[in-house]
Amino acid sequence: MSQAPRRLPARLTQLLLANIREIPDFPEPGVLFRDITPLLANGPAFASLIEGLAECYQGRIDAVAGLESRGFILAAPLAVRLGIGMLTIRKGGKLPGPVIGEDYSLEYGTARMELRPDSVSPGSRVLVIDDVLATGGTARASIDLIEQAGAQVAAVCMLLELQELGGRARLGDVEVDCVVSY
């Protein structure tokens, strides 16, 4: 584990490390999966995480965009705590129209993320949040969608970053905050 550029307090890193579970060989042999469900199941720890994130972004953002699906779990309580709206960025075909979409590359093929543009206030400052930054495909697609809708991405926040997969490099000059980087 290494530390990414520090914008988030070290106490959030300690909190996350104390509340994740490592599962070897999941979903396939050779992969070490880091499971955040113990954090979500620990009410006081989850509340502390949301409070800590709120302190970091208070006054800097006008909306929180959660990426399907674990990003929704993080975005909803953060938006409520900050008293701002939440945007849902979903996998293709899950939102009723009209939607805007952005395709991104997978190891074998492509996938699509979609957003209802009428849910976005033009000119608003949006925080994109999800659980893991790996290759950066979903995060990049989400940034592009938010910008197409007329808003600006103030920052991207991820609980975990898998640095060896190079996702941060795909996000350009957007501020990227990761609680823990491996």
Foldseek 3Di string as FASTA:
>chain_A
DDFDPDLADLVLLVLQVVQWDWDAQPPHHPDTDIHNVSCVVPVVSVVVNLVRVLVSCAPPFQEEEAEPDQRVVNRVVNCVVNVHYYWYKYWPPPDDDDWDKDWFDDPPGITMIIGHLVVADAATEYEYEHAEQALQGRVQRVQVRNVVSRYHHQAYEYAEYAPVNPNVVSNPPHHYHYSYYD
